[in-house]
N, C-alpha and C. Protein backbone atom coordinates (compact mmCIF):
# COMPACT_ATOMS: atom_id res chain seq x y z
N UNK A 1 -18.14 -91.05 203.22
CA UNK A 1 -18.00 -89.77 203.96
C UNK A 1 -17.12 -88.80 202.90
N UNK A 2 -17.10 -87.57 203.44
CA UNK A 2 -16.30 -86.46 202.58
C UNK A 2 -14.89 -86.69 202.44
N UNK A 3 -14.37 -87.12 203.78
CA UNK A 3 -12.80 -87.35 203.77
C UNK A 3 -12.42 -88.45 203.01
N UNK A 4 -13.10 -89.50 202.94
CA UNK A 4 -12.87 -90.84 202.20
C UNK A 4 -12.86 -90.29 200.78
N UNK A 5 -13.83 -89.60 200.29
CA UNK A 5 -14.11 -89.24 198.90
C UNK A 5 -12.91 -88.49 198.58
N UNK A 6 -12.41 -87.49 199.40
CA UNK A 6 -11.15 -86.40 199.22
C UNK A 6 -9.87 -87.49 198.93
N UNK A 7 -9.82 -88.40 200.01
CA UNK A 7 -8.61 -89.21 199.94
C UNK A 7 -8.55 -90.10 198.59
N UNK A 8 -9.71 -90.60 198.08
CA UNK A 8 -9.80 -91.40 196.87
C UNK A 8 -9.42 -90.48 195.68
N UNK A 9 -9.96 -89.23 195.78
CA UNK A 9 -9.55 -88.17 194.64
C UNK A 9 -8.20 -88.08 194.52
N UNK A 10 -7.44 -87.74 195.69
CA UNK A 10 -6.08 -87.71 195.74
C UNK A 10 -5.46 -88.68 195.18
N UNK A 11 -5.80 -89.83 195.52
CA UNK A 11 -5.16 -91.36 194.84
C UNK A 11 -5.29 -91.17 193.37
N UNK A 12 -6.55 -91.06 192.92
CA UNK A 12 -6.76 -91.01 191.51
C UNK A 12 -5.95 -89.96 190.74
N UNK A 13 -5.85 -88.70 191.16
CA UNK A 13 -5.10 -87.67 190.78
C UNK A 13 -3.44 -88.34 190.62
N UNK A 14 -3.07 -88.71 191.75
CA UNK A 14 -1.75 -89.23 191.76
C UNK A 14 -1.40 -90.24 190.63
N UNK A 15 -2.36 -91.17 190.59
CA UNK A 15 -2.24 -92.49 189.64
C UNK A 15 -2.19 -91.74 188.27
N UNK A 16 -3.06 -91.04 187.96
CA UNK A 16 -3.29 -90.44 186.52
C UNK A 16 -2.03 -89.62 186.02
N UNK A 17 -1.42 -88.81 187.11
CA UNK A 17 -0.29 -88.09 186.84
C UNK A 17 0.92 -88.84 186.76
N UNK A 18 0.95 -90.07 187.49
CA UNK A 18 2.07 -90.97 187.38
C UNK A 18 2.03 -91.52 185.85
N UNK A 19 1.02 -91.97 185.47
CA UNK A 19 0.86 -92.53 184.15
C UNK A 19 1.34 -91.69 183.16
N UNK A 20 0.67 -90.41 183.19
CA UNK A 20 1.08 -89.43 182.20
C UNK A 20 2.75 -89.27 182.18
N UNK A 21 3.28 -89.19 183.24
CA UNK A 21 4.63 -88.85 183.45
C UNK A 21 5.37 -90.18 182.66
N UNK A 22 4.81 -91.26 182.81
CA UNK A 22 5.28 -92.30 182.19
C UNK A 22 5.25 -92.57 180.70
N UNK A 23 4.30 -91.64 180.24
CA UNK A 23 4.26 -91.52 178.67
C UNK A 23 3.00 -92.41 178.28
N UNK A 24 2.14 -92.73 179.20
CA UNK A 24 0.86 -93.26 178.81
C UNK A 24 -0.35 -92.37 178.67
N UNK A 25 -1.31 -92.76 178.13
CA UNK A 25 -2.50 -91.82 178.05
C UNK A 25 -3.69 -92.39 178.97
N UNK A 26 -3.61 -92.09 180.27
CA UNK A 26 -4.66 -92.68 181.08
C UNK A 26 -6.10 -91.99 180.94
N UNK A 27 -7.05 -92.91 181.18
CA UNK A 27 -8.57 -92.42 181.14
C UNK A 27 -9.14 -93.00 182.39
N UNK A 28 -9.72 -92.12 183.11
CA UNK A 28 -10.60 -92.31 184.30
C UNK A 28 -11.92 -93.07 184.03
N UNK A 29 -12.05 -94.40 184.37
CA UNK A 29 -13.43 -95.18 184.10
C UNK A 29 -13.82 -95.50 185.28
N UNK A 30 -13.55 -94.87 186.49
CA UNK A 30 -13.99 -95.41 187.80
C UNK A 30 -15.39 -95.42 187.94
N UNK A 31 -16.29 -94.51 187.24
CA UNK A 31 -17.58 -94.31 187.27
C UNK A 31 -18.35 -95.42 186.65
N UNK A 32 -17.53 -96.25 185.88
CA UNK A 32 -18.28 -97.35 185.13
C UNK A 32 -18.29 -98.52 185.61
N UNK A 33 -17.74 -98.94 186.87
CA UNK A 33 -17.69 -100.18 187.44
C UNK A 33 -17.38 -101.51 186.62
N UNK A 34 -16.14 -101.37 186.13
CA UNK A 34 -15.58 -102.33 185.32
C UNK A 34 -14.56 -103.18 186.10
N UNK A 35 -14.32 -102.85 187.41
CA UNK A 35 -13.35 -103.62 188.15
C UNK A 35 -12.02 -102.97 188.22
N UNK A 36 -11.86 -101.82 187.58
CA UNK A 36 -10.69 -101.14 187.63
C UNK A 36 -10.93 -99.84 187.51
N UNK A 37 -10.18 -98.64 187.92
CA UNK A 37 -10.44 -97.31 187.88
C UNK A 37 -9.85 -96.53 186.53
N UNK A 38 -8.84 -97.10 186.20
CA UNK A 38 -8.01 -96.34 185.13
C UNK A 38 -7.77 -97.28 183.87
N UNK A 39 -7.87 -96.89 182.45
CA UNK A 39 -7.34 -97.70 181.56
C UNK A 39 -6.15 -96.67 180.92
N UNK A 40 -5.12 -97.28 180.90
CA UNK A 40 -3.94 -96.53 180.44
C UNK A 40 -3.19 -97.27 179.14
N UNK A 41 -3.38 -96.88 178.03
CA UNK A 41 -2.67 -97.33 177.01
C UNK A 41 -1.43 -96.74 176.85
N UNK A 42 -0.41 -97.43 176.42
CA UNK A 42 1.07 -96.72 176.18
C UNK A 42 1.57 -97.74 175.05
N UNK A 43 2.91 -97.38 174.95
CA UNK A 43 3.67 -98.09 174.00
C UNK A 43 3.87 -99.66 174.19
N UNK A 44 3.19 -100.53 173.50
CA UNK A 44 3.34 -101.89 173.96
C UNK A 44 2.47 -102.66 174.81
N UNK A 45 1.68 -101.79 175.76
CA UNK A 45 0.94 -102.32 176.55
C UNK A 45 -0.28 -101.30 177.03
N UNK A 46 -1.18 -101.99 177.64
CA UNK A 46 -2.19 -101.15 178.22
C UNK A 46 -2.57 -101.68 179.69
N UNK A 47 -2.58 -100.82 180.69
CA UNK A 47 -2.81 -101.13 181.91
C UNK A 47 -4.02 -100.79 182.53
N UNK A 48 -4.65 -101.92 183.26
CA UNK A 48 -5.68 -101.81 183.72
C UNK A 48 -5.70 -101.55 185.09
N UNK A 49 -5.75 -100.27 185.65
CA UNK A 49 -5.28 -99.84 187.10
C UNK A 49 -6.58 -99.65 188.18
N UNK A 50 -6.37 -100.41 189.26
CA UNK A 50 -7.49 -100.26 190.33
C UNK A 50 -6.56 -99.41 191.31
N UNK A 51 -7.05 -98.27 191.67
CA UNK A 51 -6.48 -97.32 192.58
C UNK A 51 -7.02 -97.43 194.02
N UNK A 52 -6.24 -97.55 195.13
CA UNK A 52 -6.45 -97.74 196.51
C UNK A 52 -5.74 -96.62 197.11
N UNK A 53 -6.55 -95.69 197.86
CA UNK A 53 -5.82 -94.74 198.56
C UNK A 53 -6.12 -94.71 200.19
N UNK A 54 -5.08 -94.40 200.98
CA UNK A 54 -5.23 -94.28 202.43
C UNK A 54 -4.85 -93.03 202.91
N UNK A 55 -5.34 -92.59 203.90
CA UNK A 55 -5.02 -91.38 204.76
C UNK A 55 -3.48 -91.75 205.17
N UNK A 56 -3.46 -92.93 205.80
CA UNK A 56 -2.08 -93.28 206.11
C UNK A 56 -1.55 -94.53 205.30
N UNK A 57 -2.23 -95.77 205.80
CA UNK A 57 -2.07 -97.02 205.16
C UNK A 57 -2.99 -97.91 205.74
N UNK A 58 -2.97 -99.10 205.22
CA UNK A 58 -4.05 -100.18 205.62
C UNK A 58 -3.97 -101.27 204.76
N UNK A 59 -4.80 -102.46 205.16
CA UNK A 59 -4.95 -103.61 204.34
C UNK A 59 -5.62 -103.17 202.91
N UNK A 60 -5.37 -103.87 201.77
CA UNK A 60 -5.96 -103.77 200.59
C UNK A 60 -7.41 -104.33 200.65
N UNK A 61 -8.46 -103.78 200.39
CA UNK A 61 -9.72 -104.50 200.35
C UNK A 61 -10.30 -104.27 198.85
N UNK A 62 -10.37 -105.28 198.19
CA UNK A 62 -10.95 -105.42 196.74
C UNK A 62 -12.34 -105.90 196.81
N UNK A 63 -13.19 -105.59 195.84
CA UNK A 63 -14.54 -106.19 195.81
C UNK A 63 -14.21 -107.45 194.99
N UNK A 64 -15.02 -108.53 195.12
CA UNK A 64 -15.06 -109.72 194.13
C UNK A 64 -14.87 -109.38 192.81
N UNK A 65 -15.59 -108.41 192.25
CA UNK A 65 -15.29 -108.10 190.77
C UNK A 65 -13.94 -107.56 190.39
N UNK A 66 -13.30 -106.71 191.46
CA UNK A 66 -12.08 -106.36 191.15
C UNK A 66 -11.02 -107.36 190.99
N UNK A 67 -11.13 -108.23 192.27
CA UNK A 67 -10.32 -109.51 192.27
C UNK A 67 -10.50 -110.50 191.09
N UNK A 68 -11.84 -110.60 190.51
CA UNK A 68 -12.09 -111.34 189.36
C UNK A 68 -11.27 -110.85 188.08
N UNK A 69 -11.44 -109.57 187.88
CA UNK A 69 -10.79 -108.81 186.77
C UNK A 69 -9.14 -108.83 187.04
N UNK A 70 -8.79 -108.77 188.17
CA UNK A 70 -7.35 -109.04 188.63
C UNK A 70 -6.76 -110.42 187.90
N UNK A 71 -7.53 -111.39 188.28
CA UNK A 71 -7.17 -112.73 187.70
C UNK A 71 -7.39 -112.74 186.21
N UNK A 72 -8.43 -112.32 185.62
CA UNK A 72 -8.84 -112.41 184.22
C UNK A 72 -7.53 -111.60 183.54
N UNK A 73 -7.30 -110.68 183.92
CA UNK A 73 -6.32 -109.69 183.16
C UNK A 73 -4.92 -110.10 183.36
N UNK A 74 -4.73 -110.51 184.37
CA UNK A 74 -3.19 -110.91 184.83
C UNK A 74 -2.22 -109.93 184.67
N UNK A 75 -1.17 -109.89 183.87
CA UNK A 75 -0.12 -108.89 183.79
C UNK A 75 -0.54 -107.56 183.49
N UNK A 76 -1.63 -107.48 182.88
CA UNK A 76 -2.18 -106.11 182.33
C UNK A 76 -2.83 -105.25 183.75
N UNK A 77 -3.13 -106.01 184.74
CA UNK A 77 -3.84 -105.61 185.90
C UNK A 77 -2.82 -105.10 186.82
N UNK A 78 -3.16 -104.05 187.35
CA UNK A 78 -2.25 -103.33 188.30
C UNK A 78 -3.07 -102.59 189.37
N UNK A 79 -2.67 -102.67 190.62
CA UNK A 79 -3.18 -102.17 191.87
C UNK A 79 -2.08 -101.05 192.12
N UNK A 80 -2.66 -99.67 192.04
CA UNK A 80 -1.88 -98.45 192.58
C UNK A 80 -2.18 -98.11 193.97
N UNK A 81 -1.39 -98.40 194.96
CA UNK A 81 -1.75 -98.04 196.29
C UNK A 81 -1.05 -96.78 196.66
N UNK A 82 -2.04 -95.72 197.01
CA UNK A 82 -1.47 -94.40 197.39
C UNK A 82 -1.47 -94.20 198.98
N UNK A 83 -0.45 -94.25 199.67
CA UNK A 83 -0.54 -94.16 201.12
C UNK A 83 -0.17 -92.71 201.38
N UNK A 84 -0.51 -92.16 202.74
CA UNK A 84 -0.25 -90.91 203.14
C UNK A 84 -0.92 -89.88 202.24
N UNK A 85 -1.92 -90.22 201.71
CA UNK A 85 -2.66 -89.40 200.69
C UNK A 85 -2.69 -87.86 201.10
N UNK A 86 -3.07 -87.66 202.34
CA UNK A 86 -3.32 -86.40 202.75
C UNK A 86 -2.10 -85.58 203.30
N UNK A 87 -0.97 -86.21 203.47
CA UNK A 87 0.44 -85.37 203.90
C UNK A 87 1.39 -85.77 202.86
N UNK A 88 1.97 -86.78 202.55
CA UNK A 88 3.11 -87.11 201.43
C UNK A 88 2.76 -88.18 200.72
N UNK A 89 1.84 -88.09 199.84
CA UNK A 89 1.38 -89.24 199.14
C UNK A 89 2.61 -90.05 198.49
N UNK A 90 2.40 -91.35 198.61
CA UNK A 90 3.38 -92.33 198.19
C UNK A 90 2.85 -93.45 197.33
N UNK A 91 2.93 -93.66 196.04
CA UNK A 91 2.45 -94.60 195.09
C UNK A 91 3.45 -95.80 195.13
N UNK A 92 2.64 -96.91 195.39
CA UNK A 92 3.21 -98.30 195.07
C UNK A 92 2.53 -98.81 194.00
N UNK A 93 3.28 -99.68 192.97
CA UNK A 93 2.35 -100.22 192.07
C UNK A 93 2.65 -101.58 192.02
N UNK A 94 1.59 -102.37 191.90
CA UNK A 94 1.51 -103.73 192.11
C UNK A 94 1.13 -104.47 190.83
N UNK A 95 2.00 -105.18 190.08
CA UNK A 95 1.57 -105.68 188.89
C UNK A 95 1.06 -107.01 189.09
N UNK A 96 0.02 -107.37 188.57
CA UNK A 96 -0.57 -108.81 188.48
C UNK A 96 -0.69 -109.27 189.74
N UNK A 97 -1.49 -108.49 190.53
CA UNK A 97 -1.78 -108.76 191.92
C UNK A 97 -2.27 -110.30 192.28
N UNK A 98 -3.06 -110.82 191.46
CA UNK A 98 -3.48 -112.08 191.56
C UNK A 98 -2.65 -113.22 191.85
N UNK A 99 -1.41 -112.98 190.99
CA UNK A 99 -0.35 -114.01 191.02
C UNK A 99 0.60 -113.48 192.06
N UNK A 100 0.86 -112.21 192.38
CA UNK A 100 2.03 -111.80 193.14
C UNK A 100 1.83 -111.60 194.55
N UNK A 101 0.39 -111.22 194.94
CA UNK A 101 0.09 -111.16 196.47
C UNK A 101 -0.18 -112.45 196.99
N UNK A 102 0.03 -112.32 198.23
CA UNK A 102 -0.44 -113.61 199.21
C UNK A 102 -1.95 -113.89 198.90
N UNK A 103 -2.34 -114.98 199.01
CA UNK A 103 -3.64 -115.48 198.96
C UNK A 103 -4.54 -114.62 199.78
N UNK A 104 -5.61 -113.92 199.36
CA UNK A 104 -6.43 -112.92 200.03
C UNK A 104 -7.35 -113.73 200.93
N UNK A 105 -7.65 -113.15 202.08
CA UNK A 105 -8.78 -113.59 202.93
C UNK A 105 -10.02 -113.08 202.33
N UNK A 106 -11.02 -113.95 202.10
CA UNK A 106 -12.18 -113.66 201.68
C UNK A 106 -13.28 -113.41 202.85
N UNK A 107 -13.83 -112.43 202.70
CA UNK A 107 -14.90 -111.89 203.69
C UNK A 107 -16.17 -111.81 203.23
N UNK A 108 -17.04 -112.67 203.55
CA UNK A 108 -18.32 -112.69 203.06
C UNK A 108 -19.39 -111.90 204.08
N UNK A 109 -19.77 -110.78 203.61
CA UNK A 109 -20.84 -109.87 204.25
C UNK A 109 -21.94 -109.78 203.50
N UNK A 110 -22.98 -110.46 203.87
CA UNK A 110 -24.25 -110.30 203.28
C UNK A 110 -25.08 -109.45 204.00
N UNK A 111 -25.38 -108.30 203.55
CA UNK A 111 -26.45 -107.44 204.36
C UNK A 111 -27.82 -107.59 203.66
N UNK A 112 -28.62 -108.09 204.79
CA UNK A 112 -30.07 -108.12 204.36
C UNK A 112 -30.95 -107.97 205.68
N UNK A 113 -32.28 -107.73 205.61
CA UNK A 113 -33.17 -107.76 206.80
C UNK A 113 -33.97 -108.81 206.63
N UNK A 114 -34.14 -109.63 207.74
CA UNK A 114 -34.92 -111.04 207.63
C UNK A 114 -36.04 -110.91 208.65
N UNK A 115 -37.25 -110.87 208.14
CA UNK A 115 -38.42 -111.02 209.00
C UNK A 115 -39.05 -112.21 209.09
N UNK A 116 -38.97 -113.05 210.16
CA UNK A 116 -39.23 -114.40 210.19
C UNK A 116 -40.77 -114.47 210.46
N UNK A 117 -41.29 -113.72 211.46
CA UNK A 117 -42.55 -114.14 211.95
C UNK A 117 -43.68 -113.06 211.24
N UNK A 118 -43.44 -112.95 210.01
CA UNK A 118 -44.44 -111.85 209.40
C UNK A 118 -45.76 -112.32 209.18
N UNK A 119 -46.03 -113.72 209.14
CA UNK A 119 -47.47 -114.23 209.16
C UNK A 119 -48.18 -113.90 210.45
N UNK A 120 -47.48 -114.18 211.54
CA UNK A 120 -48.24 -114.00 212.82
C UNK A 120 -48.44 -112.48 213.22
N UNK A 121 -47.90 -111.57 212.44
CA UNK A 121 -48.05 -110.08 212.71
C UNK A 121 -48.93 -109.46 211.59
N UNK A 122 -49.09 -110.17 210.46
CA UNK A 122 -49.95 -109.67 209.52
C UNK A 122 -51.30 -109.21 210.01
N UNK A 123 -51.77 -108.20 209.53
CA UNK A 123 -53.27 -107.65 210.02
C UNK A 123 -54.27 -108.47 209.45
N UNK A 124 -54.37 -108.66 208.14
CA UNK A 124 -55.46 -109.11 207.61
C UNK A 124 -55.08 -110.01 206.36
N UNK A 125 -55.76 -111.19 206.29
CA UNK A 125 -55.56 -112.27 205.26
C UNK A 125 -56.46 -111.96 204.11
N UNK A 126 -56.02 -111.64 202.90
CA UNK A 126 -56.83 -111.61 201.84
C UNK A 126 -56.90 -112.80 200.91
N UNK A 127 -57.91 -113.27 200.70
CA UNK A 127 -58.24 -114.58 199.97
C UNK A 127 -58.82 -114.33 198.64
N UNK A 128 -58.46 -114.99 197.44
CA UNK A 128 -58.93 -114.62 196.28
C UNK A 128 -59.61 -115.49 195.53
């Protein structure tokens, strides 16, 4: 939805501004599907940052790919949570979420359409 995109944009802007204030040179890579939204090199470290933004607050939802990258990159992976994005944005930085956050609850949602009786309903059989 439009509101969700606006909230995400505010979150990204806040995270990028935060990184610049800290003396790093962040780059938005969110359209590249890398498992994080920002690559932010600085003195002595590069941060790989996933940004999650909320109108108010809520549970963190990560894709399996984001969680895999968090586990793989360890200390270099950060989640920047931007709460109250529409009123008073507040950024919380979580370093190495795979090691520091409580064990996540995995939700398996497979979306597919299953047509079981297709043979009974087919109009015409073609044999070759």
